[in-house]
Amino acid sequence: MSKILVIGARGRAGRAAVEEARSRGHDVTAVARTTDGAAGLVAGDVTDAGRIAELAVGHDAVIAAVYDSGADFFPTAARALVKGLDGGRLIWVGLASNLPGSDGTPLMDSPGYPQEYRSFFLAHQAALDIFAASDLDWVSLAPAGDFNHADPTRTGSYRLGPGDATALTSYADFAIALLDEFDRATHHRQALGVV
């Protein structure tokens, strides 16, 4: 049995990752910024490198499925993860907007792509740049387009591919991709889309 730390375990992607990991028999430490007394959660702030280091002891990898609307949140979290994991394995839940489309252009730079959240896209990209400049063994998986909020059905399958603004994946199928990457560690130091 492997041990995995899931940061952001109260969010939809994090909860799905915890469920998938436990269904595979992994020992999971589920971390949330606040626990509000919820059973099975440990308090931890992804922007606190010391707390990350403390929580990561004895774990084989970390899945970080974190969110905050603050402009500095993602780069701050990335720096804390790099420092706190000290060369360990990170599976980062990324953003479709940063994925290259089939023509190689990041979705956020494609004609017609919505720009009202561009600062959010750029904050996510800054986190990827921090990972890329480190010696951390990381991979970023993102829905190739978006999560399918209307149909949460677990199909049991997925594929990896470029960004595609029209593609949808369920949180449950996305979690399969996250845990497959944990179990097999096939991809390193790159961002991939899941559909």
N, C-alpha and C. Protein backbone atom coordinates (compact mmCIF):
# COMPACT_ATOMS: atom_id res chain seq x y z
N MET A 1 0.85 -1.18 0.00
CA MET A 1 0.00 0.00 0.00
C MET A 1 0.89 1.24 0.00
N SER A 2 0.55 2.20 -0.82
CA SER A 2 1.28 3.46 -0.92
C SER A 2 0.58 4.53 -0.11
N LYS A 3 1.36 5.53 0.28
CA LYS A 3 0.81 6.65 1.04
C LYS A 3 0.80 7.89 0.16
N ILE A 4 -0.34 8.56 0.14
CA ILE A 4 -0.49 9.76 -0.69
C ILE A 4 -1.10 10.88 0.14
N LEU A 5 -0.57 12.06 -0.08
CA LEU A 5 -1.07 13.27 0.57
C LEU A 5 -1.89 14.03 -0.46
N VAL A 6 -3.15 14.31 -0.16
CA VAL A 6 -4.00 15.07 -1.08
C VAL A 6 -4.31 16.41 -0.42
N ILE A 7 -3.76 17.46 -1.00
CA ILE A 7 -3.98 18.82 -0.50
C ILE A 7 -5.11 19.44 -1.32
N GLY A 8 -6.10 19.98 -0.62
CA GLY A 8 -7.29 20.50 -1.30
C GLY A 8 -8.39 19.47 -1.29
N ALA A 9 -8.41 18.64 -0.26
CA ALA A 9 -9.32 17.49 -0.20
C ALA A 9 -10.78 17.86 0.01
N ARG A 10 -11.08 19.13 0.28
CA ARG A 10 -12.48 19.54 0.43
C ARG A 10 -13.09 19.99 -0.88
N GLY A 11 -12.26 20.26 -1.87
CA GLY A 11 -12.76 20.68 -3.17
C GLY A 11 -13.21 19.48 -4.01
N ARG A 12 -13.85 19.76 -5.13
CA ARG A 12 -14.40 18.68 -5.96
C ARG A 12 -13.32 17.76 -6.52
N ALA A 13 -12.26 18.32 -7.07
CA ALA A 13 -11.19 17.48 -7.63
C ALA A 13 -10.45 16.74 -6.52
N GLY A 14 -10.19 17.42 -5.42
CA GLY A 14 -9.51 16.80 -4.29
C GLY A 14 -10.31 15.67 -3.67
N ARG A 15 -11.61 15.90 -3.48
CA ARG A 15 -12.48 14.85 -2.92
C ARG A 15 -12.51 13.63 -3.83
N ALA A 16 -12.60 13.87 -5.14
CA ALA A 16 -12.61 12.76 -6.09
C ALA A 16 -11.29 11.99 -6.05
N ALA A 17 -10.17 12.71 -5.90
CA ALA A 17 -8.86 12.05 -5.80
C ALA A 17 -8.77 11.19 -4.55
N VAL A 18 -9.27 11.72 -3.42
CA VAL A 18 -9.26 10.95 -2.17
C VAL A 18 -10.08 9.68 -2.34
N GLU A 19 -11.27 9.80 -2.91
CA GLU A 19 -12.14 8.62 -3.10
C GLU A 19 -11.47 7.59 -4.01
N GLU A 20 -10.89 8.04 -5.12
CA GLU A 20 -10.23 7.12 -6.05
C GLU A 20 -9.03 6.44 -5.39
N ALA A 21 -8.24 7.20 -4.66
CA ALA A 21 -7.06 6.64 -3.99
C ALA A 21 -7.47 5.59 -2.97
N ARG A 22 -8.47 5.89 -2.19
CA ARG A 22 -8.92 4.92 -1.19
C ARG A 22 -9.52 3.67 -1.84
N SER A 23 -10.20 3.86 -2.97
CA SER A 23 -10.78 2.69 -3.66
C SER A 23 -9.69 1.76 -4.19
N ARG A 24 -8.49 2.29 -4.39
CA ARG A 24 -7.35 1.49 -4.85
C ARG A 24 -6.53 0.93 -3.69
N GLY A 25 -6.96 1.20 -2.48
CA GLY A 25 -6.28 0.67 -1.31
C GLY A 25 -5.12 1.49 -0.79
N HIS A 26 -4.98 2.72 -1.28
CA HIS A 26 -3.89 3.58 -0.81
C HIS A 26 -4.24 4.18 0.55
N ASP A 27 -3.22 4.45 1.32
CA ASP A 27 -3.35 5.16 2.58
C ASP A 27 -3.32 6.65 2.24
N VAL A 28 -4.40 7.36 2.55
CA VAL A 28 -4.55 8.76 2.13
C VAL A 28 -4.59 9.68 3.34
N THR A 29 -3.81 10.74 3.26
CA THR A 29 -3.94 11.83 4.22
C THR A 29 -4.61 12.97 3.45
N ALA A 30 -5.83 13.29 3.85
CA ALA A 30 -6.63 14.33 3.19
C ALA A 30 -6.44 15.65 3.93
N VAL A 31 -5.94 16.65 3.20
CA VAL A 31 -5.60 17.93 3.80
C VAL A 31 -6.49 19.03 3.23
N ALA A 32 -6.95 19.90 4.12
CA ALA A 32 -7.74 21.07 3.71
C ALA A 32 -7.25 22.27 4.51
N ARG A 33 -7.42 23.43 3.95
CA ARG A 33 -7.01 24.67 4.64
C ARG A 33 -7.68 24.75 6.00
N THR A 34 -8.99 24.45 6.03
CA THR A 34 -9.74 24.39 7.28
C THR A 34 -10.53 23.09 7.28
N THR A 35 -10.70 22.52 8.44
CA THR A 35 -11.43 21.25 8.52
C THR A 35 -12.85 21.43 9.01
N ASP A 36 -13.11 22.51 9.73
CA ASP A 36 -14.44 22.76 10.31
C ASP A 36 -14.98 21.52 11.02
N GLY A 37 -14.10 20.79 11.66
CA GLY A 37 -14.50 19.62 12.42
C GLY A 37 -14.84 18.40 11.59
N ALA A 38 -14.63 18.45 10.27
CA ALA A 38 -14.95 17.30 9.42
C ALA A 38 -14.03 16.13 9.73
N ALA A 39 -14.62 14.97 9.87
CA ALA A 39 -13.84 13.76 10.15
C ALA A 39 -12.95 13.41 8.96
N GLY A 40 -11.77 12.92 9.24
CA GLY A 40 -10.89 12.44 8.19
C GLY A 40 -10.07 13.51 7.49
N LEU A 41 -10.16 14.76 7.94
CA LEU A 41 -9.39 15.84 7.33
C LEU A 41 -8.32 16.34 8.30
N VAL A 42 -7.18 16.73 7.74
CA VAL A 42 -6.10 17.32 8.50
C VAL A 42 -5.94 18.75 8.00
N ALA A 43 -5.75 19.70 8.91
CA ALA A 43 -5.58 21.10 8.52
C ALA A 43 -4.17 21.33 8.00
N GLY A 44 -4.09 22.05 6.89
CA GLY A 44 -2.80 22.40 6.33
C GLY A 44 -2.96 23.44 5.24
N ASP A 45 -2.04 24.39 5.21
CA ASP A 45 -2.08 25.47 4.23
C ASP A 45 -1.02 25.22 3.17
N VAL A 46 -1.43 25.14 1.93
CA VAL A 46 -0.51 24.83 0.84
C VAL A 46 0.52 25.94 0.62
N THR A 47 0.32 27.09 1.19
CA THR A 47 1.29 28.18 1.05
C THR A 47 2.32 28.18 2.18
N ASP A 48 2.25 27.21 3.07
CA ASP A 48 3.16 27.11 4.21
C ASP A 48 4.13 25.94 3.98
N ALA A 49 5.35 26.26 3.53
CA ALA A 49 6.33 25.22 3.19
C ALA A 49 6.65 24.32 4.38
N GLY A 50 6.73 24.90 5.57
CA GLY A 50 7.02 24.10 6.76
C GLY A 50 5.93 23.08 7.03
N ARG A 51 4.69 23.50 6.89
CA ARG A 51 3.57 22.58 7.13
C ARG A 51 3.54 21.50 6.05
N ILE A 52 3.82 21.87 4.80
CA ILE A 52 3.87 20.87 3.74
C ILE A 52 4.94 19.83 4.03
N ALA A 53 6.12 20.29 4.43
CA ALA A 53 7.22 19.37 4.74
C ALA A 53 6.82 18.42 5.86
N GLU A 54 6.17 18.97 6.87
CA GLU A 54 5.72 18.17 8.01
C GLU A 54 4.69 17.12 7.58
N LEU A 55 3.72 17.53 6.78
CA LEU A 55 2.67 16.60 6.34
C LEU A 55 3.19 15.56 5.36
N ALA A 56 4.17 15.92 4.56
CA ALA A 56 4.65 15.02 3.50
C ALA A 56 5.53 13.88 4.00
N VAL A 57 6.00 13.96 5.22
CA VAL A 57 6.88 12.91 5.75
C VAL A 57 6.18 11.55 5.64
N GLY A 58 6.87 10.60 5.03
CA GLY A 58 6.35 9.23 4.93
C GLY A 58 5.39 9.00 3.77
N HIS A 59 5.10 10.03 3.00
CA HIS A 59 4.19 9.89 1.86
C HIS A 59 5.00 9.70 0.58
N ASP A 60 4.44 8.94 -0.35
CA ASP A 60 5.12 8.66 -1.62
C ASP A 60 4.95 9.77 -2.63
N ALA A 61 3.89 10.55 -2.51
CA ALA A 61 3.63 11.65 -3.45
C ALA A 61 2.55 12.54 -2.88
N VAL A 62 2.41 13.70 -3.54
CA VAL A 62 1.39 14.68 -3.17
C VAL A 62 0.55 15.01 -4.39
N ILE A 63 -0.76 15.02 -4.20
CA ILE A 63 -1.66 15.59 -5.20
C ILE A 63 -2.11 16.93 -4.62
N ALA A 64 -1.93 18.00 -5.38
CA ALA A 64 -2.37 19.32 -4.95
C ALA A 64 -3.49 19.79 -5.87
N ALA A 65 -4.69 19.83 -5.33
CA ALA A 65 -5.89 20.26 -6.06
C ALA A 65 -6.42 21.49 -5.33
N VAL A 66 -5.71 22.60 -5.48
CA VAL A 66 -5.97 23.77 -4.64
C VAL A 66 -6.53 24.93 -5.46
N TYR A 67 -7.22 25.80 -4.74
CA TYR A 67 -7.83 26.97 -5.40
C TYR A 67 -7.91 28.12 -4.41
N ASP A 68 -7.68 29.30 -4.94
CA ASP A 68 -7.91 30.55 -4.24
C ASP A 68 -7.94 31.62 -5.33
N SER A 69 -8.74 32.62 -5.15
CA SER A 69 -8.87 33.64 -6.20
C SER A 69 -7.79 34.73 -6.11
N GLY A 70 -6.97 34.70 -5.07
CA GLY A 70 -5.93 35.72 -4.93
C GLY A 70 -4.88 35.63 -6.02
N ALA A 71 -4.42 36.77 -6.50
CA ALA A 71 -3.47 36.82 -7.62
C ALA A 71 -2.14 36.14 -7.29
N ASP A 72 -1.72 36.18 -6.04
CA ASP A 72 -0.43 35.61 -5.66
C ASP A 72 -0.53 34.18 -5.15
N PHE A 73 -1.75 33.65 -5.04
CA PHE A 73 -1.92 32.34 -4.41
C PHE A 73 -1.16 31.23 -5.12
N PHE A 74 -1.32 31.07 -6.42
CA PHE A 74 -0.71 29.93 -7.11
C PHE A 74 0.81 29.99 -7.12
N PRO A 75 1.44 31.14 -7.41
CA PRO A 75 2.90 31.18 -7.31
C PRO A 75 3.40 30.94 -5.87
N THR A 76 2.68 31.48 -4.89
CA THR A 76 3.07 31.26 -3.50
C THR A 76 2.95 29.79 -3.13
N ALA A 77 1.87 29.16 -3.54
CA ALA A 77 1.69 27.72 -3.28
C ALA A 77 2.78 26.92 -3.98
N ALA A 78 3.10 27.27 -5.21
CA ALA A 78 4.14 26.53 -5.95
C ALA A 78 5.48 26.64 -5.24
N ARG A 79 5.86 27.83 -4.80
CA ARG A 79 7.13 27.99 -4.09
C ARG A 79 7.13 27.16 -2.80
N ALA A 80 6.01 27.16 -2.08
CA ALA A 80 5.92 26.39 -0.84
C ALA A 80 6.01 24.90 -1.11
N LEU A 81 5.39 24.43 -2.18
CA LEU A 81 5.46 23.01 -2.53
C LEU A 81 6.88 22.62 -2.92
N VAL A 82 7.54 23.44 -3.72
CA VAL A 82 8.91 23.14 -4.12
C VAL A 82 9.81 23.04 -2.88
N LYS A 83 9.68 24.00 -1.99
CA LYS A 83 10.51 24.01 -0.78
C LYS A 83 10.10 22.88 0.18
N GLY A 84 8.82 22.71 0.39
CA GLY A 84 8.33 21.73 1.36
C GLY A 84 8.52 20.29 0.94
N LEU A 85 8.44 20.02 -0.36
CA LEU A 85 8.58 18.65 -0.85
C LEU A 85 10.04 18.28 -1.11
N ASP A 86 10.89 19.27 -1.26
CA ASP A 86 12.33 19.05 -1.38
C ASP A 86 12.68 17.91 -2.35
N GLY A 87 12.22 18.06 -3.58
CA GLY A 87 12.57 17.07 -4.61
C GLY A 87 11.64 15.87 -4.70
N GLY A 88 10.54 15.86 -3.95
CA GLY A 88 9.60 14.74 -4.00
C GLY A 88 8.75 14.75 -5.25
N ARG A 89 7.69 13.96 -5.27
CA ARG A 89 6.79 13.81 -6.42
C ARG A 89 5.52 14.61 -6.18
N LEU A 90 5.16 15.47 -7.14
CA LEU A 90 3.96 16.29 -7.07
C LEU A 90 3.11 16.08 -8.31
N ILE A 91 1.82 15.84 -8.08
CA ILE A 91 0.83 15.81 -9.15
C ILE A 91 -0.07 17.01 -8.90
N TRP A 92 0.04 17.98 -9.78
CA TRP A 92 -0.62 19.29 -9.65
C TRP A 92 -1.87 19.29 -10.50
N VAL A 93 -2.98 19.74 -9.95
CA VAL A 93 -4.20 19.91 -10.74
C VAL A 93 -4.11 21.29 -11.38
N GLY A 94 -3.92 21.27 -12.69
CA GLY A 94 -3.69 22.49 -13.44
C GLY A 94 -4.95 23.07 -14.05
N LEU A 95 -4.73 23.91 -15.05
CA LEU A 95 -5.80 24.68 -15.66
C LEU A 95 -5.74 24.50 -17.18
N ALA A 96 -6.86 24.22 -17.79
CA ALA A 96 -6.91 24.01 -19.25
C ALA A 96 -6.37 25.21 -20.01
N SER A 97 -6.61 26.39 -19.52
CA SER A 97 -6.20 27.61 -20.21
C SER A 97 -4.71 27.65 -20.51
N ASN A 98 -3.90 26.96 -19.69
CA ASN A 98 -2.45 26.95 -19.87
C ASN A 98 -1.97 25.84 -20.80
N LEU A 99 -2.86 24.94 -21.17
CA LEU A 99 -2.47 23.83 -22.04
C LEU A 99 -2.34 24.31 -23.49
N PRO A 100 -1.35 23.79 -24.20
CA PRO A 100 -1.31 24.08 -25.64
C PRO A 100 -2.43 23.34 -26.35
N GLY A 101 -3.06 24.02 -27.30
CA GLY A 101 -4.06 23.37 -28.14
C GLY A 101 -3.38 22.51 -29.19
N SER A 102 -4.14 21.96 -30.09
CA SER A 102 -3.57 21.08 -31.12
C SER A 102 -2.57 21.79 -32.02
N ASP A 103 -2.65 23.13 -32.11
CA ASP A 103 -1.69 23.89 -32.93
C ASP A 103 -0.50 24.38 -32.12
N GLY A 104 -0.44 24.03 -30.83
CA GLY A 104 0.67 24.43 -29.98
C GLY A 104 0.48 25.74 -29.24
N THR A 105 -0.56 26.49 -29.56
CA THR A 105 -0.84 27.75 -28.90
C THR A 105 -1.59 27.49 -27.60
N PRO A 106 -1.14 28.06 -26.48
CA PRO A 106 -1.90 27.89 -25.24
C PRO A 106 -3.35 28.35 -25.45
N LEU A 107 -4.29 27.62 -24.87
CA LEU A 107 -5.70 27.98 -25.04
C LEU A 107 -5.95 29.44 -24.70
N MET A 108 -5.29 29.93 -23.64
CA MET A 108 -5.55 31.31 -23.22
C MET A 108 -5.11 32.34 -24.26
N ASP A 109 -4.26 31.94 -25.20
CA ASP A 109 -3.81 32.84 -26.26
C ASP A 109 -4.49 32.57 -27.59
N SER A 110 -5.44 31.66 -27.61
CA SER A 110 -6.14 31.31 -28.85
C SER A 110 -7.22 32.34 -29.16
N PRO A 111 -7.43 32.64 -30.44
CA PRO A 111 -8.48 33.60 -30.82
C PRO A 111 -9.84 33.15 -30.28
N GLY A 112 -10.56 34.10 -29.71
CA GLY A 112 -11.90 33.82 -29.22
C GLY A 112 -11.96 33.23 -27.82
N TYR A 113 -10.81 32.89 -27.23
CA TYR A 113 -10.82 32.31 -25.89
C TYR A 113 -11.16 33.42 -24.89
N PRO A 114 -12.07 33.15 -23.95
CA PRO A 114 -12.48 34.19 -22.98
C PRO A 114 -11.28 34.73 -22.21
N GLN A 115 -11.23 36.03 -22.06
CA GLN A 115 -10.08 36.67 -21.41
C GLN A 115 -10.40 37.32 -20.06
N GLU A 116 -11.64 37.23 -19.61
CA GLU A 116 -11.99 37.92 -18.37
C GLU A 116 -11.27 37.36 -17.13
N TYR A 117 -10.70 36.17 -17.23
CA TYR A 117 -9.97 35.58 -16.10
C TYR A 117 -8.49 35.44 -16.42
N ARG A 118 -7.99 36.24 -17.32
CA ARG A 118 -6.60 36.10 -17.77
C ARG A 118 -5.60 36.19 -16.60
N SER A 119 -5.85 37.05 -15.64
CA SER A 119 -4.92 37.14 -14.50
C SER A 119 -4.87 35.82 -13.74
N PHE A 120 -5.99 35.12 -13.66
CA PHE A 120 -6.06 33.80 -13.03
C PHE A 120 -5.25 32.79 -13.85
N PHE A 121 -5.40 32.82 -15.18
CA PHE A 121 -4.63 31.93 -16.06
C PHE A 121 -3.14 32.16 -15.86
N LEU A 122 -2.75 33.44 -15.83
CA LEU A 122 -1.34 33.79 -15.71
C LEU A 122 -0.77 33.38 -14.34
N ALA A 123 -1.59 33.46 -13.30
CA ALA A 123 -1.14 33.01 -11.98
C ALA A 123 -0.87 31.51 -11.99
N HIS A 124 -1.74 30.75 -12.65
CA HIS A 124 -1.51 29.30 -12.79
C HIS A 124 -0.24 29.04 -13.58
N GLN A 125 -0.03 29.81 -14.65
CA GLN A 125 1.18 29.63 -15.47
C GLN A 125 2.43 29.96 -14.65
N ALA A 126 2.34 30.97 -13.79
CA ALA A 126 3.48 31.31 -12.94
C ALA A 126 3.85 30.14 -12.03
N ALA A 127 2.85 29.42 -11.54
CA ALA A 127 3.12 28.23 -10.72
C ALA A 127 3.86 27.18 -11.54
N LEU A 128 3.40 26.94 -12.77
CA LEU A 128 4.08 25.97 -13.64
C LEU A 128 5.52 26.38 -13.90
N ASP A 129 5.74 27.67 -14.10
CA ASP A 129 7.10 28.17 -14.33
C ASP A 129 7.99 27.92 -13.11
N ILE A 130 7.44 28.08 -11.93
CA ILE A 130 8.19 27.82 -10.69
C ILE A 130 8.54 26.33 -10.61
N PHE A 131 7.59 25.47 -10.91
CA PHE A 131 7.89 24.03 -10.90
C PHE A 131 8.99 23.70 -11.91
N ALA A 132 8.87 24.28 -13.11
CA ALA A 132 9.83 23.99 -14.18
C ALA A 132 11.24 24.43 -13.80
N ALA A 133 11.38 25.47 -13.02
CA ALA A 133 12.70 25.98 -12.63
C ALA A 133 13.28 25.22 -11.43
N SER A 134 12.52 24.29 -10.87
CA SER A 134 12.95 23.56 -9.68
C SER A 134 13.45 22.17 -10.06
N ASP A 135 13.90 21.43 -9.05
CA ASP A 135 14.29 20.04 -9.29
C ASP A 135 13.19 19.06 -8.85
N LEU A 136 12.02 19.60 -8.57
CA LEU A 136 10.88 18.79 -8.16
C LEU A 136 10.44 17.86 -9.30
N ASP A 137 10.08 16.63 -8.95
CA ASP A 137 9.49 15.70 -9.93
C ASP A 137 7.99 15.99 -9.94
N TRP A 138 7.54 16.71 -10.95
CA TRP A 138 6.15 17.17 -10.99
C TRP A 138 5.50 16.83 -12.33
N VAL A 139 4.20 16.77 -12.31
CA VAL A 139 3.38 16.72 -13.52
C VAL A 139 2.12 17.52 -13.22
N SER A 140 1.63 18.23 -14.20
CA SER A 140 0.39 18.97 -14.06
C SER A 140 -0.65 18.32 -14.96
N LEU A 141 -1.75 17.89 -14.38
CA LEU A 141 -2.87 17.37 -15.14
C LEU A 141 -4.03 18.35 -15.00
N ALA A 142 -4.66 18.65 -16.11
CA ALA A 142 -5.79 19.58 -16.12
C ALA A 142 -6.87 19.00 -17.01
N PRO A 143 -8.13 19.32 -16.74
CA PRO A 143 -9.13 18.94 -17.73
C PRO A 143 -8.75 19.62 -19.05
N ALA A 144 -8.83 18.90 -20.15
CA ALA A 144 -8.42 19.46 -21.44
C ALA A 144 -9.24 20.69 -21.80
N GLY A 145 -10.49 20.72 -21.34
CA GLY A 145 -11.36 21.88 -21.57
C GLY A 145 -11.95 22.38 -20.26
N ASP A 146 -12.78 21.55 -19.65
CA ASP A 146 -13.41 21.91 -18.38
C ASP A 146 -13.94 20.65 -17.73
N PHE A 147 -14.36 20.80 -16.47
CA PHE A 147 -15.05 19.71 -15.80
C PHE A 147 -16.51 19.70 -16.25
N ASN A 148 -17.06 18.50 -16.37
CA ASN A 148 -18.45 18.35 -16.76
C ASN A 148 -19.31 18.43 -15.51
N HIS A 149 -19.78 19.63 -15.21
CA HIS A 149 -20.58 19.84 -14.00
C HIS A 149 -21.99 19.30 -14.16
N ALA A 150 -22.47 19.20 -15.38
CA ALA A 150 -23.83 18.73 -15.63
C ALA A 150 -23.94 17.20 -15.54
N ASP A 151 -22.86 16.49 -15.86
CA ASP A 151 -22.89 15.03 -15.84
C ASP A 151 -21.66 14.51 -15.11
N PRO A 152 -21.80 14.23 -13.82
CA PRO A 152 -20.65 13.78 -13.02
C PRO A 152 -20.36 12.28 -13.16
N THR A 153 -20.96 11.63 -14.13
CA THR A 153 -20.84 10.18 -14.27
C THR A 153 -19.38 9.74 -14.41
N ARG A 154 -19.03 8.69 -13.70
CA ARG A 154 -17.71 8.06 -13.83
C ARG A 154 -17.81 7.04 -14.96
N THR A 155 -17.12 7.31 -16.07
CA THR A 155 -17.13 6.37 -17.19
C THR A 155 -16.06 5.29 -17.01
N GLY A 156 -15.05 5.60 -16.21
CA GLY A 156 -13.97 4.65 -15.98
C GLY A 156 -12.85 4.76 -17.00
N SER A 157 -12.91 5.76 -17.86
CA SER A 157 -11.85 5.91 -18.86
C SER A 157 -11.57 7.39 -19.10
N TYR A 158 -10.41 7.63 -19.69
CA TYR A 158 -9.98 8.98 -20.05
C TYR A 158 -8.88 8.82 -21.07
N ARG A 159 -8.49 9.94 -21.66
CA ARG A 159 -7.29 9.97 -22.49
C ARG A 159 -6.57 11.28 -22.22
N LEU A 160 -5.29 11.27 -22.49
CA LEU A 160 -4.49 12.47 -22.34
C LEU A 160 -4.36 13.14 -23.70
N GLY A 161 -4.36 14.46 -23.71
CA GLY A 161 -4.25 15.14 -24.98
C GLY A 161 -4.03 16.63 -24.80
N PRO A 162 -4.04 17.35 -25.91
CA PRO A 162 -3.83 18.80 -25.84
C PRO A 162 -5.08 19.50 -25.29
N GLY A 163 -4.92 20.78 -25.04
CA GLY A 163 -6.06 21.58 -24.62
C GLY A 163 -7.10 21.63 -25.71
N ASP A 164 -8.36 21.57 -25.32
CA ASP A 164 -9.49 21.61 -26.24
C ASP A 164 -10.65 22.23 -25.49
N ALA A 165 -10.95 23.49 -25.78
CA ALA A 165 -11.95 24.23 -25.03
C ALA A 165 -13.33 23.57 -25.03
N THR A 166 -13.59 22.66 -25.96
CA THR A 166 -14.90 22.01 -26.02
C THR A 166 -14.95 20.69 -25.25
N ALA A 167 -13.81 20.20 -24.80
CA ALA A 167 -13.74 18.89 -24.13
C ALA A 167 -14.22 18.98 -22.69
N LEU A 168 -14.90 17.94 -22.25
CA LEU A 168 -15.39 17.85 -20.87
C LEU A 168 -14.97 16.52 -20.26
N THR A 169 -14.68 16.55 -18.97
CA THR A 169 -14.39 15.33 -18.22
C THR A 169 -15.03 15.44 -16.84
N SER A 170 -15.43 14.32 -16.30
CA SER A 170 -16.02 14.34 -14.95
C SER A 170 -14.90 14.37 -13.92
N TYR A 171 -15.22 14.83 -12.72
CA TYR A 171 -14.24 14.81 -11.64
C TYR A 171 -13.80 13.38 -11.35
N ALA A 172 -14.71 12.44 -11.42
CA ALA A 172 -14.38 11.04 -11.13
C ALA A 172 -13.40 10.49 -12.15
N ASP A 173 -13.61 10.76 -13.44
CA ASP A 173 -12.67 10.28 -14.46
C ASP A 173 -11.33 11.02 -14.36
N PHE A 174 -11.37 12.29 -14.01
CA PHE A 174 -10.14 13.05 -13.82
C PHE A 174 -9.33 12.44 -12.68
N ALA A 175 -10.01 12.02 -11.62
CA ALA A 175 -9.33 11.39 -10.49
C ALA A 175 -8.65 10.09 -10.90
N ILE A 176 -9.24 9.36 -11.83
CA ILE A 176 -8.60 8.15 -12.34
C ILE A 176 -7.25 8.51 -12.96
N ALA A 177 -7.23 9.58 -13.76
CA ALA A 177 -5.98 10.02 -14.38
C ALA A 177 -4.96 10.42 -13.32
N LEU A 178 -5.39 11.15 -12.30
CA LEU A 178 -4.48 11.55 -11.23
C LEU A 178 -3.85 10.34 -10.55
N LEU A 179 -4.68 9.36 -10.22
CA LEU A 179 -4.18 8.19 -9.50
C LEU A 179 -3.40 7.25 -10.40
N ASP A 180 -3.74 7.20 -11.68
CA ASP A 180 -2.90 6.42 -12.61
C ASP A 180 -1.50 7.02 -12.66
N GLU A 181 -1.43 8.34 -12.65
CA GLU A 181 -0.12 9.00 -12.66
C GLU A 181 0.62 8.74 -11.34
N PHE A 182 -0.09 8.68 -10.25
CA PHE A 182 0.52 8.34 -8.97
C PHE A 182 1.03 6.90 -9.00
N ASP A 183 0.19 5.98 -9.46
CA ASP A 183 0.56 4.56 -9.45
C ASP A 183 1.70 4.23 -10.40
N ARG A 184 1.76 4.92 -11.55
CA ARG A 184 2.75 4.57 -12.57
C ARG A 184 3.81 5.64 -12.83
N ALA A 185 3.61 6.87 -12.40
CA ALA A 185 4.56 7.97 -12.60
C ALA A 185 5.14 7.97 -14.02
N THR A 186 4.26 8.01 -14.99
CA THR A 186 4.65 7.94 -16.40
C THR A 186 5.15 9.28 -16.95
N HIS A 187 4.60 10.36 -16.47
CA HIS A 187 4.92 11.69 -17.02
C HIS A 187 5.65 12.54 -15.99
N HIS A 188 6.60 13.33 -16.48
CA HIS A 188 7.42 14.13 -15.60
C HIS A 188 7.66 15.50 -16.21
N ARG A 189 7.53 16.54 -15.36
CA ARG A 189 7.89 17.90 -15.71
C ARG A 189 7.18 18.39 -16.97
N GLN A 190 5.87 18.14 -17.02
CA GLN A 190 5.07 18.59 -18.15
C GLN A 190 3.61 18.78 -17.74
N ALA A 191 2.87 19.51 -18.56
CA ALA A 191 1.44 19.75 -18.32
C ALA A 191 0.66 19.01 -19.40
N LEU A 192 -0.35 18.27 -18.97
CA LEU A 192 -1.15 17.45 -19.88
C LEU A 192 -2.64 17.67 -19.65
N GLY A 193 -3.42 17.52 -20.70
CA GLY A 193 -4.87 17.62 -20.62
C GLY A 193 -5.50 16.25 -20.46
N VAL A 194 -6.61 16.20 -19.74
CA VAL A 194 -7.36 14.97 -19.52
C VAL A 194 -8.75 15.14 -20.10
N VAL A 195 -9.16 14.19 -20.93
CA VAL A 195 -10.51 14.22 -21.47
C VAL A 195 -11.08 12.80 -21.47
